[in-house]
Amino acid sequence: MQSKAMKAPSDAPKGHLLRVLGMAFALAIGIGTTIGGGILRTPGDIAALLPNGWLFMAVWVFGAVNALLGATVFSELGAMMPRTGGPYVFARRALGDYAGFFVGYTYWIQVCAVQAALSLLIGEYAPVLVPALTGHALIVAFAVLFGLVALQWQGVRWGGHIQTIVTLVKMFAFTALIIAAFVIPHSAISGIPALAVPHGTALMIALILAMQGIIFTYNGYFYVCFFGEELCNPGRDIPRAIFRSVLLIIAVYLLLNLAFLWVLPISRMANAPFVGGAVARVLFGERGNLIITAIVMISLLGTINAQVLISARLLLAMGHNRLFVPQATIVNSGGTPTIAMLLGTAVACAFMFSGTFKAVLGVIAVFMVVNYLLMYVSLMVLRRRESAMPRPYKAWGYPWTTLLAILIGLVFLAGVIVSDRRHTLIALACLIISYPLYLGLRKLKLMDKG
């Protein structure tokens, strides 16, 4: 595969993003970011809300449908505007500078906080595999994060290879766990009383709350959009990668949850902090804890690596438009936005030291729903305002599929507001503060209107 360099804008520091990423990376970034430890934990929360096998599987199927609706939107936007920064670029083009400012910074804070949270989680799990690491979670977390940053510093090819390899291992591990659940004989678990299934209004509330966890677990399938200027054929590869990623993620999630139900009664799954671990112990005995911990750590490595890649490209894109310091646009000979990556790593480290990432992620959960809605609205605005713009892919079923996605998003947002009013109020305060901050940047002429 022959590489081509894409030039940065003339007013940016010298450096080039490289068009060297292919379909393997495009799939790895979507699958590797999405499938992580969440799928091994979330089912316990869902089972507690909906302790009925049919209802339990129904909401996972509904989550799959919602992800497919979103995939049609991100595929059109990503193929139409294959630029570094993805959703930031889409919002700015469709809804203006302030929308781009809001989406860019909320996504950047999100990925930095996720890096911190998942790195610390690896540090907490590490003693299961290496007992000598007990009590050194923070050191392990820093070692993991700086190790990935050091490898990515060598160039985008390194980052891409790491993502692809880790995702392949992750998919193999989850496939093996699914097969083991259906093939390995195990004793039926009895003596656990069935839980009452909610009805009426309680059922509706339970369904909305369940969907919150599921939508978060599906989040990430569209992250290939952040790499539009580094894919060899973005107009073709972005839609294909998004849909293939979504379909593979759906297959893994549905089969894994069926496997959990096959091994454990749903009343045993309910409120289990780590359903995957409980299933592994039934299947593999004392070795189950080691096996599932290894799977989780591999999964988390892939997600952290993707977040490091994404945070650097978000700052680079915002730096090009004077939404961040111009030094963020510096790219080394290997195609890595080095200063942007270091800045994102520094913020992630600050989150780890302070422990504030938990509160930040609670607020970001609200913004994540808003950002989904902004993407759906952006598609509709651009369809109307720039109908002649070339579109290598057009969203299937538009406008009805997009309107349905917006409706689901609004219901989801209402559920988040009702269930987490504290973080919703903080998010609202941040939103109010962000506008005068944006105006201040414009007044200081840090933003480029071009």
Protein backbone atom coordinates (compact mmCIF):
# COMPACT_ATOMS: atom_id res chain seq x y z
CA MET A 1 0.00 0.00 0.00
CA GLN A 2 1.59 3.25 -1.12
CA SER A 3 1.31 6.12 1.33
CA LYS A 4 0.40 9.67 0.37
CA ALA A 5 0.85 12.75 2.49
CA MET A 6 -1.95 15.17 3.07
CA LYS A 7 -0.75 18.73 3.54
CA ALA A 8 -1.82 20.81 6.49
CA PRO A 9 -3.28 24.28 5.89
CA SER A 10 -0.71 26.88 4.89
CA ASP A 11 -1.02 28.76 8.19
CA ALA A 12 -0.35 25.66 10.28
CA PRO A 13 3.06 24.47 11.44
CA LYS A 14 4.73 22.03 9.07
CA GLY A 15 3.55 18.45 9.34
CA HIS A 16 1.51 15.96 7.44
CA LEU A 17 -1.21 13.50 8.22
CA LEU A 18 -0.56 10.37 6.19
CA ARG A 19 -3.11 8.50 4.11
CA VAL A 20 -1.92 5.08 5.16
CA LEU A 21 -4.88 3.57 7.04
CA GLY A 22 -7.00 0.90 5.40
CA MET A 23 -10.11 -1.14 6.10
CA ALA A 24 -8.44 -3.29 8.77
CA PHE A 25 -7.76 -0.21 10.90
CA ALA A 26 -11.17 1.27 10.12
CA LEU A 27 -12.84 -1.86 11.51
CA ALA A 28 -10.45 -2.11 14.44
CA ILE A 29 -11.12 1.45 15.60
CA GLY A 30 -14.91 0.95 15.59
CA ILE A 31 -14.94 -2.51 17.13
CA GLY A 32 -11.97 -1.96 19.44
CA THR A 33 -13.38 1.23 20.90
CA THR A 34 -16.88 -0.14 21.42
CA ILE A 35 -16.39 -3.68 22.70
CA GLY A 36 -14.73 -3.45 26.08
CA GLY A 37 -15.32 -4.32 29.69
CA GLY A 38 -18.78 -2.74 29.57
CA ILE A 39 -20.41 -5.72 27.87
CA LEU A 40 -19.21 -7.94 30.73
CA ARG A 41 -20.69 -5.62 33.39
CA THR A 42 -23.75 -3.91 31.89
CA PRO A 43 -25.86 -7.10 31.59
CA GLY A 44 -26.03 -7.30 35.39
CA ASP A 45 -27.62 -3.85 35.58
CA ILE A 46 -30.03 -4.68 32.76
CA ALA A 47 -31.03 -7.98 34.37
CA ALA A 48 -31.81 -6.17 37.64
CA LEU A 49 -34.08 -3.72 35.82
CA LEU A 50 -35.72 -6.33 33.58
CA PRO A 51 -35.48 -9.78 35.23
CA ASN A 52 -37.13 -11.57 32.32
CA GLY A 53 -35.17 -13.29 29.56
CA TRP A 54 -37.37 -12.05 26.72
CA LEU A 55 -37.39 -8.44 27.93
CA PHE A 56 -33.67 -8.64 28.63
CA MET A 57 -32.86 -9.69 25.06
CA ALA A 58 -35.47 -7.34 23.57
CA VAL A 59 -33.71 -4.22 24.86
CA TRP A 60 -30.38 -5.43 23.49
CA VAL A 61 -32.04 -5.90 20.10
CA PHE A 62 -33.57 -2.44 20.40
CA GLY A 63 -30.09 -1.07 21.15
CA ALA A 64 -28.86 -2.77 17.99
CA VAL A 65 -31.60 -1.10 15.94
CA ASN A 66 -30.70 2.28 17.44
CA ALA A 67 -27.03 1.75 16.56
CA LEU A 68 -27.97 0.90 12.97
CA LEU A 69 -30.05 4.09 12.74
CA GLY A 70 -27.07 6.08 13.95
CA ALA A 71 -24.78 4.26 11.54
CA THR A 72 -26.75 5.55 8.55
CA VAL A 73 -26.26 9.14 9.77
CA PHE A 74 -22.55 8.88 10.58
CA SER A 75 -21.87 7.01 7.33
CA GLU A 76 -23.32 9.81 5.22
CA LEU A 77 -21.63 12.58 7.19
CA GLY A 78 -18.27 10.78 7.36
CA ALA A 79 -18.16 9.94 3.66
CA MET A 80 -19.34 13.43 2.68
CA MET A 81 -16.81 15.23 4.91
CA PRO A 82 -13.81 12.91 5.39
CA ARG A 83 -11.90 15.27 7.65
CA THR A 84 -9.88 14.82 10.80
CA GLY A 85 -12.12 15.46 13.80
CA GLY A 86 -15.31 13.75 12.63
CA PRO A 87 -18.31 14.97 14.67
CA TYR A 88 -16.56 18.27 15.43
CA VAL A 89 -16.29 18.94 11.69
CA PHE A 90 -19.88 17.88 11.01
CA ALA A 91 -21.36 20.12 13.71
CA ARG A 92 -19.28 23.13 12.70
CA ARG A 93 -20.19 22.77 9.02
CA ALA A 94 -23.92 22.32 9.64
CA LEU A 95 -24.63 24.37 12.76
CA GLY A 96 -21.85 26.93 13.00
CA ASP A 97 -18.73 27.67 15.02
CA TYR A 98 -20.31 27.46 18.46
CA ALA A 99 -21.77 24.01 17.80
CA GLY A 100 -18.34 22.86 16.61
CA PHE A 101 -16.75 24.38 19.70
CA PHE A 102 -19.22 22.58 21.97
CA VAL A 103 -18.96 19.19 20.25
CA GLY A 104 -15.18 19.33 19.93
CA TYR A 105 -14.44 20.14 23.55
CA THR A 106 -17.02 17.80 25.04
CA TYR A 107 -15.70 14.90 22.95
CA TRP A 108 -12.10 15.78 23.85
CA ILE A 109 -12.80 15.91 27.60
CA GLN A 110 -14.74 12.65 27.25
CA VAL A 111 -11.91 10.72 25.61
CA CYS A 112 -9.34 12.10 28.08
CA ALA A 113 -11.51 11.08 31.04
CA VAL A 114 -12.06 7.63 29.52
CA GLN A 115 -8.30 7.17 29.12
CA ALA A 116 -7.87 7.91 32.82
CA ALA A 117 -10.72 5.67 33.96
CA LEU A 118 -9.72 2.65 31.85
CA SER A 119 -6.00 2.95 32.60
CA LEU A 120 -6.79 2.87 36.32
CA LEU A 121 -9.11 -0.08 35.75
CA ILE A 122 -6.24 -2.02 34.19
CA GLY A 123 -4.15 -1.09 37.22
CA GLU A 124 -6.85 -2.48 39.51
CA TYR A 125 -7.18 -5.73 37.52
CA ALA A 126 -3.43 -6.29 37.04
CA PRO A 127 -2.81 -7.95 40.48
CA VAL A 128 -5.13 -10.81 39.49
CA LEU A 129 -2.59 -11.79 36.83
CA VAL A 130 0.56 -10.46 38.55
CA PRO A 131 0.11 -10.47 42.37
CA ALA A 132 3.31 -8.40 42.83
CA LEU A 133 1.44 -5.41 41.37
CA THR A 134 -0.99 -5.27 44.30
CA GLY A 135 -1.25 -1.73 45.64
CA HIS A 136 0.36 -0.19 42.55
CA ALA A 137 -2.73 0.56 40.46
CA LEU A 138 -1.70 4.15 39.74
CA ILE A 139 1.81 3.17 38.63
CA VAL A 140 0.42 0.47 36.33
CA ALA A 141 -2.11 2.94 34.91
CA PHE A 142 0.63 5.46 34.07
CA ALA A 143 2.83 2.73 32.59
CA VAL A 144 0.01 1.54 30.32
CA LEU A 145 -0.89 5.04 29.13
CA PHE A 146 2.70 6.19 28.56
CA GLY A 147 3.57 2.90 26.87
CA LEU A 148 0.79 3.36 24.31
CA VAL A 149 1.75 7.02 23.80
CA ALA A 150 5.40 6.04 23.23
CA LEU A 151 4.40 3.49 20.59
CA GLN A 152 2.07 5.92 18.86
CA TRP A 153 4.81 8.56 18.87
CA GLN A 154 6.60 6.40 16.28
CA GLY A 155 3.84 7.12 13.78
CA VAL A 156 0.24 6.47 12.82
CA ARG A 157 1.19 3.09 11.36
CA TRP A 158 2.24 1.95 14.84
CA GLY A 159 -0.99 3.19 16.36
CA GLY A 160 -2.95 1.47 13.62
CA HIS A 161 -1.09 -1.83 14.00
CA ILE A 162 -1.59 -1.84 17.77
CA GLN A 163 -5.31 -1.18 17.34
CA THR A 164 -5.70 -3.93 14.74
CA ILE A 165 -3.76 -6.57 16.69
CA VAL A 166 -5.47 -5.89 20.02
CA THR A 167 -8.91 -5.89 18.36
CA LEU A 168 -8.22 -9.23 16.65
CA VAL A 169 -7.15 -10.78 19.96
CA LYS A 170 -10.19 -9.26 21.66
CA MET A 171 -12.59 -10.69 19.05
CA PHE A 172 -10.95 -14.10 19.32
CA ALA A 173 -11.29 -14.03 23.12
CA PHE A 174 -14.97 -13.06 23.08
CA THR A 175 -15.73 -15.64 20.40
CA ALA A 176 -13.99 -18.31 22.48
CA LEU A 177 -16.02 -17.30 25.56
CA ILE A 178 -19.29 -17.52 23.61
CA ILE A 179 -18.43 -20.97 22.22
CA ALA A 180 -17.29 -22.18 25.65
CA ALA A 181 -20.58 -21.12 27.23
CA PHE A 182 -22.59 -23.30 24.85
CA VAL A 183 -20.15 -26.21 24.60
CA ILE A 184 -18.63 -26.76 28.05
CA PRO A 185 -20.95 -28.77 30.34
CA HIS A 186 -21.88 -26.97 33.53
CA SER A 187 -24.17 -27.61 36.46
CA ALA A 188 -27.46 -25.75 36.51
CA ILE A 189 -27.63 -23.10 39.23
CA SER A 190 -30.75 -23.47 41.34
CA GLY A 191 -32.20 -22.16 44.56
CA ILE A 192 -32.19 -18.51 43.49
CA PRO A 193 -35.70 -17.03 43.75
CA ALA A 194 -37.10 -15.32 40.67
CA LEU A 195 -37.36 -11.55 40.76
CA ALA A 196 -40.59 -9.67 40.13
CA VAL A 197 -40.91 -8.18 36.65
CA PRO A 198 -42.05 -4.51 36.72
CA HIS A 199 -45.38 -3.55 35.14
CA GLY A 200 -47.05 -0.38 33.92
CA THR A 201 -45.20 2.85 34.62
CA ALA A 202 -42.46 1.01 36.49
CA LEU A 203 -41.82 -1.08 33.38
CA MET A 204 -41.53 2.00 31.17
CA ILE A 205 -39.04 3.59 33.57
CA ALA A 206 -37.07 0.33 33.73
CA LEU A 207 -36.96 0.15 29.91
CA ILE A 208 -35.65 3.72 29.62
CA LEU A 209 -33.00 3.14 32.29
CA ALA A 210 -31.98 -0.13 30.65
CA MET A 211 -31.60 1.61 27.30
CA GLN A 212 -29.25 4.15 28.86
CA GLY A 213 -26.76 1.46 29.77
CA ILE A 214 -27.14 -0.28 26.43
CA ILE A 215 -26.67 2.85 24.32
CA PHE A 216 -23.51 3.66 26.26
CA THR A 217 -22.28 0.11 25.65
CA TYR A 218 -22.85 0.50 21.88
CA ASN A 219 -21.10 3.90 21.77
CA GLY A 220 -17.96 4.11 19.59
CA TYR A 221 -18.87 2.29 16.36
CA PHE A 222 -18.56 5.54 14.34
CA TYR A 223 -15.10 6.57 15.59
CA VAL A 224 -13.55 5.87 12.20
CA CYS A 225 -14.98 9.31 11.26
CA PHE A 226 -12.20 10.94 13.29
CA PHE A 227 -9.62 9.65 10.79
CA GLY A 228 -11.07 10.86 7.48
CA GLU A 229 -7.80 12.43 6.29
CA GLU A 230 -5.75 9.32 7.04
CA LEU A 231 -7.87 6.64 5.35
CA CYS A 232 -6.77 5.62 1.88
CA ASN A 233 -10.31 5.69 0.48
CA PRO A 234 -12.56 7.45 3.02
CA GLY A 235 -15.61 7.84 0.76
CA ARG A 236 -15.82 4.08 0.45
CA ASP A 237 -14.19 2.86 3.65
CA ILE A 238 -16.05 4.99 6.22
CA PRO A 239 -19.58 3.69 5.44
CA ARG A 240 -18.36 0.13 4.99
CA ALA A 241 -16.35 0.20 8.21
CA ILE A 242 -19.20 1.70 10.22
CA PHE A 243 -21.78 -0.85 9.08
CA ARG A 244 -19.43 -3.82 9.32
CA SER A 245 -18.36 -2.71 12.78
CA VAL A 246 -21.95 -2.28 13.93
CA LEU A 247 -23.00 -5.68 12.61
CA LEU A 248 -20.05 -7.43 14.25
CA ILE A 249 -20.66 -5.60 17.52
CA ILE A 250 -24.35 -6.54 17.43
CA ALA A 251 -23.47 -10.19 16.76
CA VAL A 252 -21.02 -10.29 19.69
CA TYR A 253 -23.39 -8.53 22.08
CA LEU A 254 -26.45 -10.64 21.28
CA LEU A 255 -24.55 -13.94 21.29
CA LEU A 256 -22.71 -13.04 24.49
CA ASN A 257 -25.93 -12.17 26.30
CA LEU A 258 -27.56 -15.38 25.08
CA ALA A 259 -24.51 -17.22 26.41
CA PHE A 260 -24.88 -15.49 29.78
CA LEU A 261 -28.54 -16.54 29.95
CA TRP A 262 -27.58 -20.09 28.99
CA VAL A 263 -25.10 -20.37 31.87
CA LEU A 264 -26.78 -18.27 34.59
CA PRO A 265 -30.40 -17.75 35.58
CA ILE A 266 -31.36 -14.12 35.08
CA SER A 267 -32.03 -13.71 38.80
CA ARG A 268 -28.36 -14.65 39.40
CA MET A 269 -27.24 -12.15 36.78
CA ALA A 270 -29.27 -9.33 38.36
CA ASN A 271 -27.06 -6.76 40.10
CA ALA A 272 -23.97 -8.88 39.53
CA PRO A 273 -21.12 -6.34 39.33
CA PHE A 274 -19.33 -8.47 36.74
CA VAL A 275 -21.54 -10.98 34.92
CA GLY A 276 -18.68 -12.06 32.66
CA GLY A 277 -16.66 -13.07 35.70
CA ALA A 278 -19.54 -15.03 37.19
CA VAL A 279 -20.01 -16.93 33.92
CA ALA A 280 -16.28 -17.64 33.63
CA ARG A 281 -16.17 -19.08 37.14
CA VAL A 282 -19.04 -21.44 36.35
CA LEU A 283 -17.35 -22.57 33.13
CA PHE A 284 -13.69 -22.69 34.14
CA GLY A 285 -13.72 -22.91 37.93
CA GLU A 286 -10.83 -21.21 39.73
CA ARG A 287 -9.16 -20.39 36.40
CA GLY A 288 -12.22 -18.42 35.33
CA ASN A 289 -11.13 -15.30 37.18
CA LEU A 290 -7.74 -15.32 35.42
CA ILE A 291 -9.31 -15.93 32.00
CA ILE A 292 -11.93 -13.21 32.25
CA THR A 293 -9.43 -10.72 33.70
CA ALA A 294 -7.11 -11.32 30.75
CA ILE A 295 -10.00 -10.74 28.33
CA VAL A 296 -10.98 -7.53 30.10
CA MET A 297 -7.43 -6.16 30.12
CA ILE A 298 -7.00 -6.86 26.40
CA SER A 299 -10.33 -5.18 25.72
CA LEU A 300 -9.38 -2.13 27.76
CA LEU A 301 -6.01 -1.78 26.01
CA GLY A 302 -7.75 -1.53 22.64
CA THR A 303 -10.16 1.11 23.92
CA ILE A 304 -7.41 3.21 25.55
CA ASN A 305 -5.26 3.07 22.41
CA ALA A 306 -8.21 4.29 20.33
CA GLN A 307 -8.94 7.12 22.77
CA VAL A 308 -5.32 8.32 22.60
CA LEU A 309 -5.51 8.36 18.80
CA ILE A 310 -8.82 10.24 18.82
CA SER A 311 -7.93 12.87 21.44
CA ALA A 312 -4.87 13.94 19.45
CA ARG A 313 -6.84 14.32 16.23
CA LEU A 314 -9.60 16.29 17.87
CA LEU A 315 -7.13 18.88 19.16
CA LEU A 316 -5.38 18.99 15.79
CA ALA A 317 -8.67 19.70 14.01
CA MET A 318 -9.64 22.38 16.52
CA GLY A 319 -6.17 23.90 16.30
CA HIS A 320 -6.58 24.34 12.54
CA ASN A 321 -9.67 26.49 13.20
CA ARG A 322 -8.09 28.51 16.04
CA LEU A 323 -10.27 26.75 18.59
CA PHE A 324 -7.08 25.62 20.28
CA VAL A 325 -3.44 26.71 20.31
CA PRO A 326 -1.78 26.37 16.87
CA GLN A 327 0.94 24.14 18.32
CA ALA A 328 -1.68 21.39 18.44
CA THR A 329 -1.40 21.13 14.64
CA ILE A 330 2.25 20.00 14.75
CA VAL A 331 2.58 16.53 13.21
CA ASN A 332 5.78 14.48 13.16
CA SER A 333 7.20 12.58 10.19
CA GLY A 334 5.28 9.46 11.18
CA GLY A 335 1.92 11.25 10.95
CA THR A 336 1.35 11.61 14.71
CA PRO A 337 0.03 14.93 16.12
CA THR A 338 2.65 14.93 18.87
CA ILE A 339 1.83 18.10 20.82
CA ALA A 340 -1.90 17.35 20.70
CA MET A 341 -1.25 13.82 21.95
CA LEU A 342 0.92 15.07 24.82
CA LEU A 343 -1.71 17.61 25.85
CA GLY A 344 -4.44 14.95 25.88
CA THR A 345 -2.18 12.61 27.87
CA ALA A 346 -1.44 15.37 30.39
CA VAL A 347 -5.16 15.96 30.96
CA ALA A 348 -5.76 12.20 31.32
CA CYS A 349 -2.95 12.02 33.90
CA ALA A 350 -4.47 14.95 35.79
CA PHE A 351 -7.76 13.07 35.90
CA MET A 352 -5.98 10.00 37.27
CA PHE A 353 -4.16 11.95 39.98
CA SER A 354 -7.22 13.88 41.10
CA GLY A 355 -9.78 11.11 40.71
CA THR A 356 -12.20 13.61 39.17
CA PHE A 357 -12.82 11.50 36.06
CA LYS A 358 -15.83 9.84 37.70
CA ALA A 359 -17.67 13.12 38.10
CA VAL A 360 -16.55 14.24 34.63
CA LEU A 361 -17.87 11.05 33.02
CA GLY A 362 -21.22 11.56 34.73
CA VAL A 363 -21.53 15.01 33.14
CA ILE A 364 -20.16 13.82 29.80
CA ALA A 365 -22.87 11.13 29.69
CA VAL A 366 -25.40 13.95 29.33
CA PHE A 367 -23.34 15.67 26.64
CA MET A 368 -22.93 12.40 24.76
CA VAL A 369 -26.69 12.18 24.21
CA VAL A 370 -26.81 15.83 23.12
CA ASN A 371 -23.94 15.24 20.68
CA TYR A 372 -25.78 12.30 19.11
CA LEU A 373 -28.80 14.55 18.59
CA LEU A 374 -26.61 17.29 17.11
CA MET A 375 -25.24 14.81 14.57
CA TYR A 376 -28.74 13.77 13.48
CA VAL A 377 -29.82 17.41 13.19
CA SER A 378 -26.61 18.21 11.26
CA LEU A 379 -27.50 15.62 8.64
CA MET A 380 -30.96 17.12 8.15
CA VAL A 381 -29.59 20.66 7.94
CA LEU A 382 -26.96 19.70 5.37
CA ARG A 383 -29.45 17.70 3.29
CA ARG A 384 -31.59 20.83 3.05
CA ARG A 385 -28.91 23.51 2.74
CA GLU A 386 -26.25 21.66 0.71
CA SER A 387 -28.28 19.21 -1.30
CA ALA A 388 -25.87 19.37 -4.25
CA MET A 389 -22.83 18.40 -2.18
CA PRO A 390 -21.36 15.04 -3.33
CA ARG A 391 -22.43 12.18 -1.08
CA PRO A 392 -20.64 8.85 -1.65
CA TYR A 393 -23.22 7.31 0.69
CA LYS A 394 -26.75 8.48 1.49
CA ALA A 395 -28.49 7.54 4.73
CA TRP A 396 -30.91 4.68 4.13
CA GLY A 397 -34.57 5.54 4.68
CA TYR A 398 -33.94 9.28 5.10
CA PRO A 399 -35.69 11.28 6.57
CA TRP A 400 -37.72 8.69 8.48
CA THR A 401 -34.79 6.74 9.89
CA THR A 402 -33.12 9.98 11.01
CA LEU A 403 -36.33 11.26 12.59
CA LEU A 404 -36.73 7.96 14.43
CA ALA A 405 -33.14 8.25 15.69
CA ILE A 406 -33.90 11.78 16.92
CA LEU A 407 -37.04 10.56 18.70
CA ILE A 408 -35.10 7.78 20.44
CA GLY A 409 -32.40 10.28 21.36
CA LEU A 410 -34.92 12.67 22.91
CA VAL A 411 -36.49 9.87 24.96
CA PHE A 412 -33.02 8.78 26.04
CA LEU A 413 -32.11 12.36 27.00
CA ALA A 414 -35.31 12.65 29.06
CA GLY A 415 -34.39 9.42 30.83
CA VAL A 416 -30.91 10.73 31.63
CA ILE A 417 -32.35 14.01 32.99
CA VAL A 418 -34.86 12.19 35.22
CA SER A 419 -32.42 9.56 36.50
CA ASP A 420 -29.39 11.79 37.05
CA ARG A 421 -30.52 15.32 37.84
CA ARG A 422 -27.31 16.30 39.62
CA HIS A 423 -25.06 15.69 36.63
CA THR A 424 -27.71 17.13 34.31
CA LEU A 425 -27.65 20.42 36.24
CA ILE A 426 -23.84 20.48 36.14
CA ALA A 427 -23.96 19.80 32.39
CA LEU A 428 -26.44 22.65 31.95
CA ALA A 429 -24.15 24.98 33.89
CA CYS A 430 -21.21 23.94 31.69
CA LEU A 431 -23.31 24.60 28.60
CA ILE A 432 -24.21 28.08 29.84
CA ILE A 433 -20.58 28.87 30.68
CA SER A 434 -19.30 27.55 27.34
CA TYR A 435 -21.02 30.24 25.28
CA PRO A 436 -19.31 33.29 26.85
CA LEU A 437 -16.04 31.32 26.68
CA TYR A 438 -16.62 30.79 22.97
CA LEU A 439 -17.40 34.49 22.49
CA GLY A 440 -14.21 35.35 24.39
CA LEU A 441 -12.15 33.20 22.02
CA ARG A 442 -13.72 34.93 19.04
CA LYS A 443 -13.04 38.36 20.54
CA LEU A 444 -9.39 37.44 21.06
CA LYS A 445 -9.34 36.38 17.39
CA LEU A 446 -8.15 32.89 18.29
CA MET A 447 -10.77 31.39 16.00
CA ASP A 448 -10.49 31.18 12.24
CA LYS A 449 -13.75 31.84 10.43
CA GLY A 450 -12.37 30.34 7.25
